[in-house]
Amino acid sequence: GYRAIRICLTRKEIFKQQLRAILRASAYGTVAVM
């Protein structure tokens, strides 16, 4: 049910915060997102 990506897509601020952190870190190595 309501888990993982479905939680992230309904609580977008939490999701955006994590994505911004990952994108910033990608400048320091080879980073991919799943």
Full PDB file with SEQRES, HELIX, SHEET, SSBOND, CRYST1, ORIGX, SCALE, CONECT and MASTER records, all heavy atoms in Angstrom:
SEQRES   1 A   34  GLY TYR ARG ALA ILE ARG ILE CYS LEU THR ARG LYS GLU          
SEQRES   2 A   34  ILE PHE LYS GLN GLN LEU ARG ALA ILE LEU ARG ALA SER          
SEQRES   3 A   34  ALA TYR GLY THR VAL ALA VAL MET                              
HELIX    1 AA1 ILE A    5  THR A   10  1                                   6    
HELIX    2 AA2 LYS A   12  ALA A   25  1                                  14    
HELIX    3 AA3 SER A   26  TYR A   28  5                                   3    
CRYST1    1.000    1.000    1.000  90.00  90.00  90.00 P 1           1          
ORIGX1      1.000000  0.000000  0.000000        0.00000                         
ORIGX2      0.000000  1.000000  0.000000        0.00000                         
ORIGX3      0.000000  0.000000  1.000000        0.00000                         
SCALE1      1.000000  0.000000  0.000000        0.00000                         
SCALE2      0.000000  1.000000  0.000000        0.00000                         
SCALE3      0.000000  0.000000  1.000000        0.00000                         
ATOM      1  N   GLY A   1       0.782  -1.220   0.000  1.00  0.00           N  
ATOM      2  CA  GLY A   1       0.000   0.000   0.000  1.00  0.00           C  
ATOM      3  C   GLY A   1       0.812   1.267   0.000  1.00  0.00           C  
ATOM      4  O   GLY A   1       1.696   1.482  -0.834  1.00  0.00           O  
ATOM      5  N   TYR A   2       0.531   2.103   0.996  1.00  0.00           N  
ATOM      6  CA  TYR A   2       1.125   3.434   1.085  1.00  0.00           C  
ATOM      7  C   TYR A   2       2.525   3.315   1.677  1.00  0.00           C  
ATOM      8  O   TYR A   2       2.712   3.293   2.888  1.00  0.00           O  
ATOM      9  CB  TYR A   2       0.223   4.306   1.959  1.00  0.00           C  
ATOM     10  CG  TYR A   2       0.651   5.753   2.072  1.00  0.00           C  
ATOM     11  CD1 TYR A   2       0.787   6.555   0.927  1.00  0.00           C  
ATOM     12  CD2 TYR A   2       0.890   6.325   3.313  1.00  0.00           C  
ATOM     13  CE1 TYR A   2       1.163   7.886   1.037  1.00  0.00           C  
ATOM     14  CE2 TYR A   2       1.265   7.659   3.436  1.00  0.00           C  
ATOM     15  CZ  TYR A   2       1.404   8.432   2.298  1.00  0.00           C  
ATOM     16  OH  TYR A   2       1.773   9.753   2.406  1.00  0.00           O  
ATOM     17  N   ARG A   3       3.524   3.227   0.820  1.00  0.00           N  
ATOM     18  CA  ARG A   3       4.904   3.105   1.267  1.00  0.00           C  
ATOM     19  C   ARG A   3       5.852   3.644   0.194  1.00  0.00           C  
ATOM     20  O   ARG A   3       5.463   3.859  -0.957  1.00  0.00           O  
ATOM     21  CB  ARG A   3       5.261   1.654   1.590  1.00  0.00           C  
ATOM     22  CG  ARG A   3       5.273   0.732   0.378  1.00  0.00           C  
ATOM     23  CD  ARG A   3       5.802  -0.648   0.720  1.00  0.00           C  
ATOM     24  NE  ARG A   3       7.216  -0.639   1.065  1.00  0.00           N  
ATOM     25  CZ  ARG A   3       7.953  -1.736   1.258  1.00  0.00           C  
ATOM     26  NH1 ARG A   3       7.393  -2.925   1.163  1.00  0.00           N  
ATOM     27  NH2 ARG A   3       9.238  -1.644   1.550  1.00  0.00           N  
ATOM     28  N   ALA A   4       7.084   3.848   0.591  1.00  0.00           N  
ATOM     29  CA  ALA A   4       8.175   4.180  -0.326  1.00  0.00           C  
ATOM     30  C   ALA A   4       7.839   5.370  -1.233  1.00  0.00           C  
ATOM     31  O   ALA A   4       7.559   6.459  -0.746  1.00  0.00           O  
ATOM     32  CB  ALA A   4       8.551   2.944  -1.129  1.00  0.00           C  
ATOM     33  N   ILE A   5       7.855   5.152  -2.547  1.00  0.00           N  
ATOM     34  CA  ILE A   5       7.692   6.252  -3.495  1.00  0.00           C  
ATOM     35  C   ILE A   5       6.345   6.934  -3.345  1.00  0.00           C  
ATOM     36  O   ILE A   5       6.211   8.147  -3.559  1.00  0.00           O  
ATOM     37  CB  ILE A   5       7.896   5.757  -4.959  1.00  0.00           C  
ATOM     38  CG1 ILE A   5       8.090   6.948  -5.910  1.00  0.00           C  
ATOM     39  CG2 ILE A   5       6.728   4.886  -5.397  1.00  0.00           C  
ATOM     40  CD1 ILE A   5       9.378   7.703  -5.683  1.00  0.00           C  
ATOM     41  N   ARG A   6       5.311   6.197  -2.917  1.00  0.00           N  
ATOM     42  CA  ARG A   6       3.980   6.792  -2.778  1.00  0.00           C  
ATOM     43  C   ARG A   6       3.935   7.756  -1.589  1.00  0.00           C  
ATOM     44  O   ARG A   6       3.225   8.753  -1.623  1.00  0.00           O  
ATOM     45  CB  ARG A   6       2.918   5.691  -2.665  1.00  0.00           C  
ATOM     46  CG  ARG A   6       2.662   5.039  -4.030  1.00  0.00           C  
ATOM     47  CD  ARG A   6       1.831   3.787  -3.961  1.00  0.00           C  
ATOM     48  NE  ARG A   6       2.540   2.638  -3.401  1.00  0.00           N  
ATOM     49  CZ  ARG A   6       3.518   1.982  -4.030  1.00  0.00           C  
ATOM     50  NH1 ARG A   6       3.917   2.381  -5.226  1.00  0.00           N  
ATOM     51  NH2 ARG A   6       4.102   0.942  -3.474  1.00  0.00           N  
ATOM     52  N   ILE A   7       4.691   7.463  -0.562  1.00  0.00           N  
ATOM     53  CA  ILE A   7       4.811   8.409   0.550  1.00  0.00           C  
ATOM     54  C   ILE A   7       5.568   9.652   0.084  1.00  0.00           C  
ATOM     55  O   ILE A   7       5.178  10.787   0.368  1.00  0.00           O  
ATOM     56  CB  ILE A   7       5.544   7.757   1.748  1.00  0.00           C  
ATOM     57  CG1 ILE A   7       4.679   6.644   2.356  1.00  0.00           C  
ATOM     58  CG2 ILE A   7       5.888   8.797   2.811  1.00  0.00           C  
ATOM     59  CD1 ILE A   7       5.361   5.861   3.450  1.00  0.00           C  
ATOM     60  N   CYS A   8       6.652   9.427  -0.648  1.00  0.00           N  
ATOM     61  CA  CYS A   8       7.472  10.546  -1.124  1.00  0.00           C  
ATOM     62  C   CYS A   8       6.697  11.473  -2.048  1.00  0.00           C  
ATOM     63  O   CYS A   8       6.870  12.702  -2.006  1.00  0.00           O  
ATOM     64  CB  CYS A   8       8.712  10.011  -1.841  1.00  0.00           C  
ATOM     65  SG  CYS A   8       9.876   9.190  -0.740  1.00  0.00           S  
ATOM     66  N   LEU A   9       5.859  10.903  -2.902  1.00  0.00           N  
ATOM     67  CA  LEU A   9       5.117  11.730  -3.869  1.00  0.00           C  
ATOM     68  C   LEU A   9       3.962  12.491  -3.229  1.00  0.00           C  
ATOM     69  O   LEU A   9       3.439  13.439  -3.828  1.00  0.00           O  
ATOM     70  CB  LEU A   9       4.604  10.852  -5.016  1.00  0.00           C  
ATOM     71  CG  LEU A   9       5.687  10.317  -5.967  1.00  0.00           C  
ATOM     72  CD1 LEU A   9       5.090   9.358  -6.981  1.00  0.00           C  
ATOM     73  CD2 LEU A   9       6.412  11.466  -6.672  1.00  0.00           C  
ATOM     74  N   THR A  10       3.544  12.079  -2.037  1.00  0.00           N  
ATOM     75  CA  THR A  10       2.486  12.823  -1.336  1.00  0.00           C  
ATOM     76  C   THR A  10       3.068  13.749  -0.271  1.00  0.00           C  
ATOM     77  O   THR A  10       2.397  14.663   0.191  1.00  0.00           O  
ATOM     78  CB  THR A  10       1.477  11.864  -0.675  1.00  0.00           C  
ATOM     79  OG1 THR A  10       2.166  10.949   0.171  1.00  0.00           O  
ATOM     80  CG2 THR A  10       0.699  11.097  -1.739  1.00  0.00           C  
ATOM     81  N   ARG A  11       4.323  13.501   0.118  1.00  0.00           N  
ATOM     82  CA  ARG A  11       5.008  14.393   1.066  1.00  0.00           C  
ATOM     83  C   ARG A  11       6.234  14.963   0.351  1.00  0.00           C  
ATOM     84  O   ARG A  11       7.382  14.635   0.652  1.00  0.00           O  
ATOM     85  CB  ARG A  11       5.401  13.635   2.325  1.00  0.00           C  
ATOM     86  CG  ARG A  11       4.197  13.037   3.050  1.00  0.00           C  
ATOM     87  CD  ARG A  11       4.574  12.547   4.429  1.00  0.00           C  
ATOM     88  NE  ARG A  11       3.469  11.953   5.127  1.00  0.00           N  
ATOM     89  CZ  ARG A  11       3.497  11.564   6.398  1.00  0.00           C  
ATOM     90  NH1 ARG A  11       4.605  11.723   7.107  1.00  0.00           N  
ATOM     91  NH2 ARG A  11       2.440  11.030   6.966  1.00  0.00           N  
ATOM     92  N   LYS A  12       5.947  15.810  -0.611  1.00  0.00           N  
ATOM     93  CA  LYS A  12       6.964  16.241  -1.568  1.00  0.00           C  
ATOM     94  C   LYS A  12       8.099  17.032  -0.939  1.00  0.00           C  
ATOM     95  O   LYS A  12       9.242  16.983  -1.418  1.00  0.00           O  
ATOM     96  CB  LYS A  12       6.314  17.042  -2.694  1.00  0.00           C  
ATOM     97  CG  LYS A  12       5.416  16.182  -3.591  1.00  0.00           C  
ATOM     98  CD  LYS A  12       4.838  16.974  -4.743  1.00  0.00           C  
ATOM     99  CE  LYS A  12       3.950  16.079  -5.614  1.00  0.00           C  
ATOM    100  NZ  LYS A  12       3.329  16.832  -6.731  1.00  0.00           N  
ATOM    101  N   GLU A  13       7.833  17.775   0.123  1.00  0.00           N  
ATOM    102  CA  GLU A  13       8.904  18.561   0.732  1.00  0.00           C  
ATOM    103  C   GLU A  13       9.987  17.656   1.323  1.00  0.00           C  
ATOM    104  O   GLU A  13      11.178  17.953   1.229  1.00  0.00           O  
ATOM    105  CB  GLU A  13       8.335  19.499   1.807  1.00  0.00           C  
ATOM    106  CG  GLU A  13       7.693  20.754   1.248  1.00  0.00           C  
ATOM    107  CD  GLU A  13       8.592  21.474   0.244  1.00  0.00           C  
ATOM    108  OE1 GLU A  13       9.768  21.734   0.582  1.00  0.00           O  
ATOM    109  OE2 GLU A  13       8.125  21.770  -0.869  1.00  0.00           O  
ATOM    110  N   ILE A  14       9.553  16.547   1.934  1.00  0.00           N  
ATOM    111  CA  ILE A  14      10.512  15.578   2.470  1.00  0.00           C  
ATOM    112  C   ILE A  14      11.325  14.976   1.326  1.00  0.00           C  
ATOM    113  O   ILE A  14      12.550  14.832   1.409  1.00  0.00           O  
ATOM    114  CB  ILE A  14       9.773  14.464   3.247  1.00  0.00           C  
ATOM    115  CG1 ILE A  14       9.051  15.052   4.457  1.00  0.00           C  
ATOM    116  CG2 ILE A  14      10.739  13.361   3.679  1.00  0.00           C  
ATOM    117  CD1 ILE A  14       8.127  14.067   5.160  1.00  0.00           C  
ATOM    118  N   PHE A  15      10.620  14.621   0.237  1.00  0.00           N  
ATOM    119  CA  PHE A  15      11.255  14.011  -0.925  1.00  0.00           C  
ATOM    120  C   PHE A  15      12.233  14.985  -1.583  1.00  0.00           C  
ATOM    121  O   PHE A  15      13.373  14.635  -1.909  1.00  0.00           O  
ATOM    122  CB  PHE A  15      10.175  13.571  -1.901  1.00  0.00           C  
ATOM    123  CG  PHE A  15      10.649  12.648  -2.989  1.00  0.00           C  
ATOM    124  CD1 PHE A  15      11.714  11.766  -2.790  1.00  0.00           C  
ATOM    125  CD2 PHE A  15      10.021  12.632  -4.232  1.00  0.00           C  
ATOM    126  CE1 PHE A  15      12.139  10.904  -3.791  1.00  0.00           C  
ATOM    127  CE2 PHE A  15      10.440  11.770  -5.236  1.00  0.00           C  
ATOM    128  CZ  PHE A  15      11.492  10.913  -5.015  1.00  0.00           C  
ATOM    129  N   LYS A  16      11.796  16.243  -1.769  1.00  0.00           N  
ATOM    130  CA  LYS A  16      12.651  17.245  -2.401  1.00  0.00           C  
ATOM    131  C   LYS A  16      13.926  17.484  -1.579  1.00  0.00           C  
ATOM    132  O   LYS A  16      15.014  17.651  -2.130  1.00  0.00           O  
ATOM    133  CB  LYS A  16      11.894  18.568  -2.547  1.00  0.00           C  
ATOM    134  CG  LYS A  16      10.860  18.586  -3.662  1.00  0.00           C  
ATOM    135  CD  LYS A  16      10.187  19.946  -3.703  1.00  0.00           C  
ATOM    136  CE  LYS A  16       9.138  20.040  -4.795  1.00  0.00           C  
ATOM    137  NZ  LYS A  16       8.463  21.359  -4.778  1.00  0.00           N  
ATOM    138  N   GLN A  17      13.766  17.490  -0.272  1.00  0.00           N  
ATOM    139  CA  GLN A  17      14.912  17.701   0.608  1.00  0.00           C  
ATOM    140  C   GLN A  17      15.956  16.600   0.396  1.00  0.00           C  
ATOM    141  O   GLN A  17      17.158  16.871   0.294  1.00  0.00           O  
ATOM    142  CB  GLN A  17      14.431  17.716   2.060  1.00  0.00           C  
ATOM    143  CG  GLN A  17      15.485  18.140   3.058  1.00  0.00           C  
ATOM    144  CD  GLN A  17      14.918  18.164   4.472  1.00  0.00           C  
ATOM    145  OE1 GLN A  17      14.569  17.135   5.029  1.00  0.00           O  
ATOM    146  NE2 GLN A  17      14.823  19.360   5.049  1.00  0.00           N  
ATOM    147  N   GLN A  18      15.485  15.352   0.309  1.00  0.00           N  
ATOM    148  CA  GLN A  18      16.413  14.246   0.082  1.00  0.00           C  
ATOM    149  C   GLN A  18      17.049  14.333  -1.295  1.00  0.00           C  
ATOM    150  O   GLN A  18      18.271  14.134  -1.445  1.00  0.00           O  
ATOM    151  CB  GLN A  18      15.703  12.898   0.238  1.00  0.00           C  
ATOM    152  CG  GLN A  18      16.681  11.730   0.046  1.00  0.00           C  
ATOM    153  CD  GLN A  18      16.037  10.366   0.232  1.00  0.00           C  
ATOM    154  OE1 GLN A  18      14.860  10.192  -0.041  1.00  0.00           O  
ATOM    155  NE2 GLN A  18      16.820   9.397   0.685  1.00  0.00           N  
ATOM    156  N   LEU A  19      16.248  14.639  -2.302  1.00  0.00           N  
ATOM    157  CA  LEU A  19      16.780  14.738  -3.661  1.00  0.00           C  
ATOM    158  C   LEU A  19      17.831  15.837  -3.776  1.00  0.00           C  
ATOM    159  O   LEU A  19      18.852  15.673  -4.444  1.00  0.00           O  
ATOM    160  CB  LEU A  19      15.641  14.983  -4.657  1.00  0.00           C  
ATOM    161  CG  LEU A  19      14.664  13.811  -4.858  1.00  0.00           C  
ATOM    162  CD1 LEU A  19      13.518  14.236  -5.773  1.00  0.00           C  
ATOM    163  CD2 LEU A  19      15.381  12.593  -5.438  1.00  0.00           C  
ATOM    164  N   ARG A  20      17.590  16.976  -3.110  1.00  0.00           N  
ATOM    165  CA  ARG A  20      18.576  18.067  -3.139  1.00  0.00           C  
ATOM    166  C   ARG A  20      19.890  17.611  -2.503  1.00  0.00           C  
ATOM    167  O   ARG A  20      20.986  17.904  -3.011  1.00  0.00           O  
ATOM    168  CB  ARG A  20      18.033  19.295  -2.397  1.00  0.00           C  
ATOM    169  CG  ARG A  20      17.007  20.100  -3.174  1.00  0.00           C  
ATOM    170  CD  ARG A  20      16.797  21.485  -2.562  1.00  0.00           C  
ATOM    171  NE  ARG A  20      16.278  21.407  -1.198  1.00  0.00           N  
ATOM    172  CZ  ARG A  20      14.986  21.441  -0.887  1.00  0.00           C  
ATOM    173  NH1 ARG A  20      14.062  21.528  -1.857  1.00  0.00           N  
ATOM    174  NH2 ARG A  20      14.597  21.392   0.369  1.00  0.00           N  
ATOM    175  N   ALA A  21      19.802  16.878  -1.394  1.00  0.00           N  
ATOM    176  CA  ALA A  21      21.009  16.380  -0.721  1.00  0.00           C  
ATOM    177  C   ALA A  21      21.782  15.430  -1.624  1.00  0.00           C  
ATOM    178  O   ALA A  21      23.016  15.483  -1.699  1.00  0.00           O  
ATOM    179  CB  ALA A  21      20.618  15.685   0.580  1.00  0.00           C  
ATOM    180  N   ILE A  22      21.063  14.560  -2.334  1.00  0.00           N  
ATOM    181  CA  ILE A  22      21.709  13.604  -3.243  1.00  0.00           C  
ATOM    182  C   ILE A  22      22.367  14.333  -4.412  1.00  0.00           C  
ATOM    183  O   ILE A  22      23.512  14.035  -4.794  1.00  0.00           O  
ATOM    184  CB  ILE A  22      20.691  12.564  -3.755  1.00  0.00           C  
ATOM    185  CG1 ILE A  22      20.196  11.683  -2.597  1.00  0.00           C  
ATOM    186  CG2 ILE A  22      21.308  11.694  -4.852  1.00  0.00           C  
ATOM    187  CD1 ILE A  22      19.035  10.762  -2.972  1.00  0.00           C  
ATOM    188  N   LEU A  23      21.648  15.311  -4.988  1.00  0.00           N  
ATOM    189  CA  LEU A  23      22.194  16.054  -6.127  1.00  0.00           C  
ATOM    190  C   LEU A  23      23.446  16.837  -5.727  1.00  0.00           C  
ATOM    191  O   LEU A  23      24.422  16.895  -6.480  1.00  0.00           O  
ATOM    192  CB  LEU A  23      21.134  16.994  -6.695  1.00  0.00           C  
ATOM    193  CG  LEU A  23      19.954  16.303  -7.419  1.00  0.00           C  
ATOM    194  CD1 LEU A  23      18.868  17.313  -7.756  1.00  0.00           C  
ATOM    195  CD2 LEU A  23      20.432  15.592  -8.675  1.00  0.00           C  
ATOM    196  N   ARG A  24      23.427  17.415  -4.546  1.00  0.00           N  
ATOM    197  CA  ARG A  24      24.616  18.147  -4.063  1.00  0.00           C  
ATOM    198  C   ARG A  24      25.804  17.191  -3.910  1.00  0.00           C  
ATOM    199  O   ARG A  24      26.937  17.510  -4.272  1.00  0.00           O  
ATOM    200  CB  ARG A  24      24.309  18.829  -2.737  1.00  0.00           C  
ATOM    201  CG  ARG A  24      23.397  20.047  -2.850  1.00  0.00           C  
ATOM    202  CD  ARG A  24      22.949  20.504  -1.461  1.00  0.00           C  
ATOM    203  NE  ARG A  24      24.085  20.912  -0.618  1.00  0.00           N  
ATOM    204  CZ  ARG A  24      23.971  21.146   0.696  1.00  0.00           C  
ATOM    205  NH1 ARG A  24      22.795  21.007   1.305  1.00  0.00           N  
ATOM    206  NH2 ARG A  24      25.038  21.504   1.390  1.00  0.00           N  
ATOM    207  N   ALA A  25      25.523  15.999  -3.379  1.00  0.00           N  
ATOM    208  CA  ALA A  25      26.591  15.020  -3.162  1.00  0.00           C  
ATOM    209  C   ALA A  25      27.142  14.470  -4.468  1.00  0.00           C  
ATOM    210  O   ALA A  25      28.293  14.016  -4.522  1.00  0.00           O  
ATOM    211  CB  ALA A  25      26.063  13.872  -2.298  1.00  0.00           C  
ATOM    212  N   SER A  26      26.335  14.519  -5.529  1.00  0.00           N  
ATOM    213  CA  SER A  26      26.773  13.960  -6.813  1.00  0.00           C  
ATOM    214  C   SER A  26      27.959  14.724  -7.396  1.00  0.00           C  
ATOM    215  O   SER A  26      28.645  14.215  -8.289  1.00  0.00           O  
ATOM    216  CB  SER A  26      25.610  13.961  -7.815  1.00  0.00           C  
ATOM    217  OG  SER A  26      25.249  15.284  -8.180  1.00  0.00           O  
ATOM    218  N   ALA A  27      28.224  15.923  -6.891  1.00  0.00           N  
ATOM    219  CA  ALA A  27      29.382  16.688  -7.351  1.00  0.00           C  
ATOM    220  C   ALA A  27      30.690  16.086  -6.839  1.00  0.00           C  
ATOM    221  O   ALA A  27      31.772  16.456  -7.303  1.00  0.00           O  
ATOM    222  CB  ALA A  27      29.266  18.145  -6.893  1.00  0.00           C  
ATOM    223  N   TYR A  28      30.603  15.148  -5.887  1.00  0.00           N  
ATOM    224  CA  TYR A  28      31.800  14.583  -5.255  1.00  0.00           C  
ATOM    225  C   TYR A  28      32.061  13.129  -5.639  1.00  0.00           C  
ATOM    226  O   TYR A  28      32.938  12.487  -5.079  1.00  0.00           O  
ATOM    227  CB  TYR A  28      31.669  14.692  -3.732  1.00  0.00           C  
ATOM    228  CG  TYR A  28      31.571  16.122  -3.257  1.00  0.00           C  
ATOM    229  CD1 TYR A  28      30.327  16.760  -3.187  1.00  0.00           C  
ATOM    230  CD2 TYR A  28      32.699  16.839  -2.914  1.00  0.00           C  
ATOM    231  CE1 TYR A  28      30.230  18.084  -2.766  1.00  0.00           C  
ATOM    232  CE2 TYR A  28      32.612  18.160  -2.496  1.00  0.00           C  
ATOM    233  CZ  TYR A  28      31.381  18.775  -2.432  1.00  0.00           C  
ATOM    234  OH  TYR A  28      31.286  20.079  -2.024  1.00  0.00           O  
ATOM    235  N   GLY A  29      31.307  12.628  -6.615  1.00  0.00           N  
ATOM    236  CA  GLY A  29      31.512  11.252  -7.037  1.00  0.00           C  
ATOM    237  C   GLY A  29      30.518  10.869  -8.122  1.00  0.00           C  
ATOM    238  O   GLY A  29      29.852  11.732  -8.696  1.00  0.00           O  
ATOM    239  N   THR A  30      30.435   9.580  -8.389  1.00  0.00           N  
ATOM    240  CA  THR A  30      29.497   9.074  -9.398  1.00  0.00           C  
ATOM    241  C   THR A  30      28.260   8.547  -8.687  1.00  0.00           C  
ATOM    242  O   THR A  30      28.279   7.455  -8.105  1.00  0.00           O  
ATOM    243  CB  THR A  30      30.149   7.947 -10.228  1.00  0.00           C  
ATOM    244  OG1 THR A  30      31.392   8.410 -10.755  1.00  0.00           O  
ATOM    245  CG2 THR A  30      29.235   7.509 -11.360  1.00  0.00           C  
ATOM    246  N   VAL A  31      27.213   9.342  -8.697  1.00  0.00           N  
ATOM    247  CA  VAL A  31      26.004   9.026  -7.928  1.00  0.00           C  
ATOM    248  C   VAL A  31      24.820   8.805  -8.855  1.00  0.00           C  
ATOM    249  O   VAL A  31      24.626   9.544  -9.831  1.00  0.00           O  
ATOM    250  CB  VAL A  31      25.679  10.166  -6.929  1.00  0.00           C  
ATOM    251  CG1 VAL A  31      24.369   9.886  -6.192  1.00  0.00           C  
ATOM    252  CG2 VAL A  31      26.822  10.334  -5.928  1.00  0.00           C  
ATOM    253  N   ALA A  32      24.044   7.766  -8.578  1.00  0.00           N  
ATOM    254  CA  ALA A  32      22.812   7.488  -9.309  1.00  0.00           C  
ATOM    255  C   ALA A  32      21.668   7.366  -8.310  1.00  0.00           C  
ATOM    256  O   ALA A  32      21.892   7.153  -7.117  1.00  0.00           O  
ATOM    257  CB  ALA A  32      22.946   6.195 -10.121  1.00  0.00           C  
ATOM    258  N   VAL A  33      20.442   7.522  -8.793  1.00  0.00           N  
ATOM    259  CA  VAL A  33      19.262   7.486  -7.927  1.00  0.00           C  
ATOM    260  C   VAL A  33      18.372   6.309  -8.312  1.00  0.00           C  
ATOM    261  O   VAL A  33      18.150   6.041  -9.498  1.00  0.00           O  
ATOM    262  CB  VAL A  33      18.450   8.799  -8.041  1.00  0.00           C  
ATOM    263  CG1 VAL A  33      17.179   8.721  -7.195  1.00  0.00           C  
ATOM    264  CG2 VAL A  33      19.287   9.983  -7.601  1.00  0.00           C  
ATOM    265  N   MET A  34      17.873   5.617  -7.287  1.00  0.00           N  
ATOM    266  CA  MET A  34      16.914   4.527  -7.498  1.00  0.00           C  
ATOM    267  C   MET A  34      15.616   4.888  -6.768  1.00  0.00           C  
ATOM    268  O   MET A  34      15.636   5.263  -5.601  1.00  0.00           O  
ATOM    269  CB  MET A  34      17.455   3.206  -6.942  1.00  0.00           C  
ATOM    270  CG  MET A  34      16.473   2.044  -7.056  1.00  0.00           C  
ATOM    271  SD  MET A  34      16.993   0.580  -6.095  1.00  0.00           S  
ATOM    272  CE  MET A  34      18.480   0.119  -6.974  1.00  0.00           C  
TER     273      MET A  34                                                      
MASTER        0    0    0    3    0    0    0    6  272    1    0    3          
END                                                                             
